[in-house]
Protein backbone atom coordinates (compact mmCIF):
# COMPACT_ATOMS: atom_id res chain seq x y z
CA MET A 1 -0.05 0.07 -0.02
CA LYS A 2 1.40 3.25 -0.97
CA SER A 3 1.97 5.86 1.81
CA GLY A 4 -0.88 8.64 2.20
CA ASN A 5 -3.87 5.85 0.60
CA ILE A 6 -6.32 4.44 2.81
CA ASN A 7 -6.83 0.82 2.90
CA TYR A 8 -10.28 0.47 3.32
CA ALA A 9 -10.45 -3.08 3.09
CA ALA A 10 -8.41 -3.76 5.77
CA ILE A 11 -9.57 -1.47 8.12
CA ALA A 12 -13.28 -3.00 7.62
CA ALA A 13 -11.75 -6.30 8.21
CA THR A 14 -10.25 -5.23 11.26
CA PHE A 15 -12.91 -4.09 12.66
CA PHE A 16 -15.18 -7.02 11.92
CA LEU A 17 -12.47 -9.01 13.39
CA LEU A 18 -12.49 -6.98 16.72
CA MET A 19 -16.76 -7.18 16.81
CA ILE A 20 -15.98 -10.99 16.50
CA SER A 21 -13.82 -11.31 19.07
CA SER A 22 -15.71 -9.05 21.40
CA GLN A 23 -18.74 -11.26 21.02
CA ALA A 24 -16.73 -14.43 21.60
CA GLN A 25 -15.43 -13.12 24.68
CA LEU A 26 -19.05 -13.62 26.17
CA SER A 27 -20.13 -15.98 27.57
CA SER A 28 -22.85 -18.24 29.33
CA THR A 29 -20.53 -19.87 31.76
CA PHE A 30 -18.94 -16.34 32.45
CA TYR A 31 -19.60 -15.93 36.00
CA ASP A 32 -19.19 -19.68 37.01
CA SER A 33 -16.24 -19.55 39.21
CA THR A 34 -16.16 -16.19 40.24
CA CYS A 35 -19.89 -15.39 41.06
CA PRO A 36 -21.45 -18.57 40.63
CA ASN A 37 -24.96 -17.40 42.39
CA ALA A 38 -25.10 -14.86 40.44
CA LEU A 39 -27.87 -15.80 37.98
CA SER A 40 -30.33 -17.67 40.33
CA THR A 41 -29.62 -14.02 42.71
CA ILE A 42 -31.05 -11.93 40.14
CA ARG A 43 -33.87 -14.52 39.13
CA THR A 44 -35.25 -14.45 42.84
CA SER A 45 -34.97 -10.50 42.65
CA ILE A 46 -36.62 -10.06 39.30
CA ARG A 47 -39.55 -12.72 39.93
CA GLN A 48 -40.63 -11.12 42.80
CA ALA A 49 -40.54 -7.67 41.13
CA VAL A 50 -42.95 -8.99 38.25
CA SER A 51 -45.03 -10.91 41.06
CA ARG A 52 -45.43 -7.31 42.58
CA GLU A 53 -46.30 -5.61 39.29
CA ARG A 54 -46.75 -7.98 36.26
CA ARG A 55 -46.63 -5.01 34.08
CA MET A 56 -42.84 -4.70 34.91
CA ALA A 57 -42.06 -7.65 32.69
CA ALA A 58 -42.36 -5.83 30.28
CA SER A 59 -40.78 -3.12 31.28
CA LEU A 60 -37.53 -4.91 32.09
CA ILE A 61 -37.31 -5.96 28.22
CA ARG A 62 -37.71 -2.65 26.95
CA LEU A 63 -34.89 -1.25 29.33
CA HIS A 64 -32.67 -3.96 27.61
CA PHE A 65 -33.90 -3.24 24.58
CA HIS A 66 -33.29 0.63 24.74
CA ASP A 67 -30.01 -0.25 26.40
CA CYS A 68 -28.44 -1.94 23.48
CA PHE A 69 -29.49 0.52 20.80
CA VAL A 70 -27.49 3.43 22.36
CA GLN A 71 -23.93 2.61 22.18
CA GLY A 72 -24.11 -1.29 22.66
CA CYS A 73 -25.15 -3.18 25.50
CA ASP A 74 -23.26 -1.61 28.15
CA ALA A 75 -26.06 -0.40 30.91
CA SER A 76 -25.66 3.05 29.69
CA ILE A 77 -29.35 3.93 29.81
CA LEU A 78 -28.92 3.50 33.89
CA LEU A 79 -26.70 6.82 34.21
CA ASP A 80 -28.01 9.73 35.67
CA ASP A 81 -26.83 12.98 34.81
CA ALA A 82 -23.39 13.91 36.10
CA PRO A 83 -20.39 15.94 34.65
CA GLY A 84 -19.70 14.48 31.30
CA ILE A 85 -22.38 12.52 31.38
CA THR A 86 -26.05 13.34 29.85
CA SER A 87 -28.41 10.64 30.96
CA GLU A 88 -30.34 8.71 28.30
CA LYS A 89 -33.07 8.34 30.97
CA THR A 90 -34.47 12.16 29.73
CA ALA A 91 -34.26 11.31 26.16
CA ALA A 92 -37.78 11.61 24.47
CA PRO A 93 -38.42 7.64 23.91
CA ASN A 94 -37.22 7.32 27.60
CA ASN A 95 -38.93 10.56 29.27
CA ARG A 96 -41.63 9.41 31.79
CA SER A 97 -42.17 5.84 29.73
CA ALA A 98 -38.86 3.80 30.81
CA ARG A 99 -39.44 2.04 33.72
CA GLY A 100 -37.80 -0.40 36.05
CA TYR A 101 -34.79 1.12 37.15
CA GLU A 102 -35.39 0.49 40.64
CA VAL A 103 -35.47 -3.02 40.16
CA ILE A 104 -32.23 -3.53 38.36
CA ASP A 105 -30.86 -1.67 41.06
CA ALA A 106 -32.45 -4.01 43.77
CA ALA A 107 -31.04 -6.65 41.64
CA LYS A 108 -27.75 -5.19 41.71
CA THR A 109 -27.64 -4.94 45.59
CA ALA A 110 -28.60 -8.63 45.84
CA VAL A 111 -25.75 -9.82 43.78
CA GLU A 112 -23.21 -6.85 45.37
CA ASN A 113 -24.06 -8.91 48.50
CA VAL A 114 -22.95 -11.81 47.00
CA CYS A 115 -20.36 -11.41 45.60
CA PRO A 116 -19.09 -7.71 45.44
CA GLY A 117 -17.86 -6.03 42.18
CA VAL A 118 -17.84 -8.74 39.66
CA VAL A 119 -21.19 -8.61 37.91
CA SER A 120 -22.11 -5.81 35.49
CA CYS A 121 -24.85 -3.81 35.47
CA ALA A 122 -24.90 -4.30 31.52
CA ASP A 123 -25.24 -8.11 32.70
CA ILE A 124 -28.13 -8.14 34.69
CA LEU A 125 -29.89 -5.74 32.44
CA ALA A 126 -29.74 -8.87 29.99
CA VAL A 127 -30.13 -11.24 32.61
CA ALA A 128 -33.37 -9.67 33.86
CA ALA A 129 -34.94 -9.10 30.23
CA ARG A 130 -34.60 -12.84 30.26
CA ASP A 131 -35.94 -14.10 33.72
CA ALA A 132 -38.72 -11.24 33.15
CA SER A 133 -39.96 -12.95 30.05
CA ALA A 134 -39.99 -16.78 31.62
CA ALA A 135 -42.07 -14.89 34.70
CA VAL A 136 -45.11 -14.16 32.64
CA GLY A 137 -44.92 -17.34 30.64
CA GLY A 138 -42.85 -16.10 27.86
CA PRO A 139 -39.95 -18.01 26.30
CA SER A 140 -36.64 -18.03 27.76
CA TRP A 141 -33.03 -18.60 26.49
CA THR A 142 -29.23 -18.95 27.28
CA VAL A 143 -27.99 -15.37 28.11
CA LYS A 144 -24.28 -15.04 27.00
CA LEU A 145 -22.29 -13.13 29.66
CA GLY A 146 -19.38 -10.65 30.07
CA ARG A 147 -20.27 -7.60 29.14
CA ARG A 148 -18.77 -4.43 31.26
CA ASP A 149 -20.50 -1.27 32.34
CA SER A 150 -20.10 2.40 29.83
CA THR A 151 -18.76 5.26 31.82
CA THR A 152 -20.53 7.43 29.65
CA ALA A 153 -24.28 8.04 28.30
CA THR A 154 -25.32 10.57 25.74
CA ARG A 155 -29.24 11.60 25.49
CA ALA A 156 -28.40 12.83 22.08
CA LEU A 157 -27.52 9.15 20.98
CA ALA A 158 -30.95 7.88 22.85
CA GLU A 159 -33.06 10.83 21.02
CA SER A 160 -31.50 9.56 17.38
CA ASN A 161 -30.71 5.55 17.74
CA LEU A 162 -33.91 4.63 19.20
CA PRO A 163 -37.16 3.60 16.96
CA SER A 164 -40.17 5.85 17.22
CA PHE A 165 -43.67 4.87 17.33
CA ARG A 166 -43.95 7.19 14.73
CA ASP A 167 -41.68 5.42 12.22
CA THR A 168 -42.59 3.82 8.88
CA LEU A 169 -41.30 0.27 7.94
CA GLU A 170 -39.12 1.21 5.87
CA VAL A 171 -37.45 3.31 8.63
CA LEU A 172 -37.75 0.63 10.98
CA ILE A 173 -36.18 -1.68 9.01
CA GLY A 174 -33.51 0.68 8.08
CA THR A 175 -32.57 1.40 12.42
CA PHE A 176 -32.49 -2.43 13.10
CA SER A 177 -30.52 -3.36 10.18
CA GLY A 178 -27.93 -0.38 11.52
CA LYS A 179 -27.67 -2.82 14.71
CA GLY A 180 -27.04 -5.82 12.96
CA LEU A 181 -30.85 -7.36 13.22
CA ASN A 182 -32.70 -8.31 10.25
CA GLU A 183 -36.19 -7.94 9.13
CA ARG A 184 -37.39 -11.47 10.89
CA ASP A 185 -35.19 -10.02 14.22
CA MET A 186 -37.37 -6.93 14.37
CA VAL A 187 -40.47 -8.60 13.77
CA ALA A 188 -39.89 -10.93 16.60
CA LEU A 189 -38.66 -8.25 19.10
CA SER A 190 -41.43 -6.53 18.57
CA GLY A 191 -43.38 -9.09 19.74
CA ALA A 192 -42.42 -8.27 23.04
CA HIS A 193 -45.76 -5.90 22.74
CA THR A 194 -47.65 -8.81 23.56
CA ILE A 195 -47.48 -7.39 26.99
CA GLY A 196 -47.00 -3.68 28.53
CA GLN A 197 -48.56 -0.93 27.97
CA ALA A 198 -48.46 2.43 25.86
CA GLN A 199 -48.89 6.10 26.67
CA CYS A 200 -52.50 7.92 24.92
CA GLY A 201 -50.00 10.04 23.53
CA GLN A 202 -48.13 7.69 21.92
CA PHE A 203 -51.42 6.22 20.11
CA ARG A 204 -53.58 9.41 19.72
CA GLU A 205 -53.07 10.44 16.34
CA ARG A 206 -53.55 6.51 15.35
CA ILE A 207 -56.72 5.94 16.61
CA TYR A 208 -58.51 9.80 15.67
CA SER A 209 -56.71 8.92 12.05
CA ASN A 210 -60.18 7.29 10.32
CA GLY A 211 -57.65 5.57 8.29
CA THR A 212 -58.03 2.35 6.49
CA ASP A 213 -55.24 0.77 8.65
CA ILE A 214 -56.85 0.81 12.07
CA ASP A 215 -60.38 -1.33 12.97
CA ALA A 216 -62.97 1.33 13.81
CA GLY A 217 -64.42 -0.62 16.72
CA PHE A 218 -60.44 -1.03 17.94
CA ALA A 219 -60.02 2.37 17.70
CA SER A 220 -63.57 3.52 19.39
CA THR A 221 -62.54 1.55 22.32
CA ARG A 222 -59.52 3.50 22.79
CA GLN A 223 -60.96 6.54 22.46
CA ARG A 224 -62.61 6.12 25.72
CA GLN A 225 -59.51 6.69 27.82
CA CYS A 226 -57.50 8.79 25.45
CA PRO A 227 -59.51 11.77 24.31
CA THR A 228 -58.72 14.17 21.49
CA SER A 229 -56.32 16.47 23.99
CA GLY A 230 -55.34 16.01 27.61
CA ARG A 231 -54.31 12.69 29.68
CA ASP A 232 -51.17 12.23 27.53
CA ASP A 233 -50.11 9.75 30.32
CA SER A 234 -53.43 7.50 30.27
CA LEU A 235 -51.97 3.94 29.73
CA ALA A 236 -53.53 1.61 27.69
CA PRO A 237 -52.53 -2.32 26.81
CA LEU A 238 -50.54 -2.78 23.47
CA ASP A 239 -52.40 -6.32 23.47
CA LEU A 240 -56.08 -5.94 24.28
CA VAL A 241 -56.53 -9.30 24.19
CA THR A 242 -54.51 -10.84 26.50
CA PRO A 243 -52.67 -7.86 27.60
CA ASN A 244 -50.83 -9.91 30.74
CA SER A 245 -49.72 -13.19 28.69
CA PHE A 246 -46.61 -13.31 27.17
CA ASP A 247 -48.37 -14.84 23.85
CA ASN A 248 -48.82 -14.32 20.19
CA ASN A 249 -51.91 -12.47 20.23
CA TYR A 250 -50.28 -9.24 19.03
CA TYR A 251 -49.80 -10.75 15.23
CA LYS A 252 -53.02 -11.60 15.76
CA ASN A 253 -53.87 -8.19 16.23
CA LEU A 254 -51.89 -6.60 13.75
CA ILE A 255 -54.07 -8.93 10.85
CA GLN A 256 -57.17 -7.45 12.29
CA ARG A 257 -55.72 -4.04 12.21
CA LYS A 258 -56.04 -3.68 15.77
CA GLY A 259 -52.16 -2.60 16.75
CA LEU A 260 -51.89 0.02 19.18
CA LEU A 261 -49.33 2.12 17.83
CA GLU A 262 -48.51 3.42 14.15
CA SER A 263 -44.88 1.38 14.58
CA ASP A 264 -46.79 -1.80 15.22
CA GLN A 265 -49.12 -1.48 12.46
CA VAL A 266 -46.51 -1.13 9.96
CA LEU A 267 -45.42 -4.31 10.43
CA PHE A 268 -48.96 -5.91 8.83
CA SER A 269 -49.64 -2.94 6.39
CA GLY A 270 -49.25 -4.91 2.75
CA GLY A 271 -45.41 -4.58 3.01
CA SER A 272 -42.18 -6.88 3.23
CA THR A 273 -43.07 -8.10 6.84
CA ASP A 274 -46.65 -9.31 6.72
CA ALA A 275 -45.61 -12.71 5.96
CA ILE A 276 -43.59 -12.97 8.94
CA VAL A 277 -46.34 -11.41 10.94
CA THR A 278 -48.92 -13.95 9.46
CA GLU A 279 -45.99 -17.02 10.21
CA TYR A 280 -46.03 -15.91 13.91
CA SER A 281 -49.82 -15.58 14.01
CA ASN A 282 -49.77 -18.66 13.31
CA ASN A 283 -47.24 -20.75 14.94
CA PRO A 284 -46.62 -19.70 18.60
CA ARG A 285 -43.54 -22.13 18.64
CA THR A 286 -41.87 -20.13 15.75
CA PHE A 287 -42.36 -16.72 17.59
CA SER A 288 -41.13 -18.01 20.78
CA SER A 289 -38.05 -19.74 19.43
CA ASP A 290 -37.11 -16.81 17.11
CA PHE A 291 -38.18 -14.08 19.89
CA GLY A 292 -35.32 -15.67 22.20
CA ALA A 293 -32.65 -16.19 19.12
CA ALA A 294 -33.45 -12.34 18.21
CA MET A 295 -32.95 -11.17 22.11
CA ILE A 296 -29.60 -13.38 22.05
CA LYS A 297 -28.44 -11.39 18.96
CA MET A 298 -29.71 -8.24 20.14
CA GLY A 299 -27.63 -8.89 23.36
CA ASP A 300 -24.46 -8.95 20.84
CA ILE A 301 -24.47 -4.95 20.16
CA GLU A 302 -21.18 -3.75 20.88
CA PRO A 303 -20.62 -5.09 24.36
CA LEU A 304 -17.23 -3.43 25.99
CA THR A 305 -15.45 -6.74 27.03
CA GLY A 306 -11.73 -7.42 28.76
CA GLN A 307 -10.52 -4.41 29.73
CA ASN A 308 -12.82 -1.78 28.21
CA GLY A 309 -15.56 -0.28 30.61
CA ILE A 310 -15.46 -0.77 34.28
CA ILE A 311 -17.99 -2.85 36.33
CA ARG A 312 -19.72 -0.44 38.50
CA ARG A 313 -21.08 -0.32 42.18
CA ILE A 314 -24.05 1.72 42.10
CA CYS A 315 -25.96 1.16 38.57
CA SER A 316 -26.41 4.78 37.99
CA ALA A 317 -23.24 6.25 38.55
CA ILE A 318 -19.50 5.96 37.82
CA ASN A 319 -17.79 4.64 40.39
C-alpha cells in the first residue's frame, strides 16, 4: 500500500474481527467461578418484582432493548446526569416511559451482597429481560455474559438511535439493520408488545385518524381512555386481548388492524414483513423460538469486554 493511501478493506476487516472477538468473549458460563450464584440471585429478585407488578416484565425487556440500541449493551441507560454525562433517561423515547430502574438497582444490590464488584449492570439488564419474559410465561433463552459497564451516556444518541412509535416500516428496517438485526429479528422483537402498555400521547393520532389501517371498533374502544387532548399519560394495553400473557396474540391483532402504535401496525400493512407476521400468528412456537434467538442477537450489540469499561458498584453512577 502506497503511503497516503487508505486501505478501507483492511480497516473494515479489522473492525469485523474486533466485533467477532468481543462477542466471542461473551459466554453463558462467564460467572461460573467468580460468582456462581449470580444468575439465581438475579432471577429471585426479578421474579419478586414481576409478582408485585406484572407489567414490570414488559418494562424490563424494554429497558434492555433501549440500552442495547444506544452505544451497545453497556448499561448506559442506567446512568444519571453527572459531569460529562447527559443521562439517556430524559431522552424523548425514555422520558416518563422507561421504567424498572429500581428493579435493576435491587437486583444489583442483591448480587453485590453475594459477590461485590464482579457482575456488571449491563449483564444484569440482559439477564433481567430473560427472567422477566419467563416469569410471565414467555420464552427463555441462554444469556451470554461478560459485558462491562460504560463510563458514558449521551442523551443525543438515545434521541437519534431508538425507534419511534411514528416510524414507517422502511425507517424501522433501517434502524434495526444498523444494529445488525434483520427484518425477522425486528418482527420477533416487536412481539414483546404482547405485554405492557403505551401512553395515550403515543397512539392518539392513530386512533383518531379514521384511517383504513385501523379497525373502527378498536379505535372507538381506545378513544374512551384517550381523548383528543389531555390525559397524555393515560395507559392502554398494547395487546387488548391478553395484555398480561406473553403469547402470539400481538400478531393476530395486527392482522385484524388492531395494532395500538403506528410502528406496530406498519409490520402488517402490505409490506415485506406481512408474511412474518402471518407466520407468527399461526405458529406460537416459531415466534417463541425466534424471539429468544433475536434477544440473544440483540445482546451481542457492541458489548464492552476485557479491559474496556468498568464494573459499576451502583448502576446509576460511575465508581
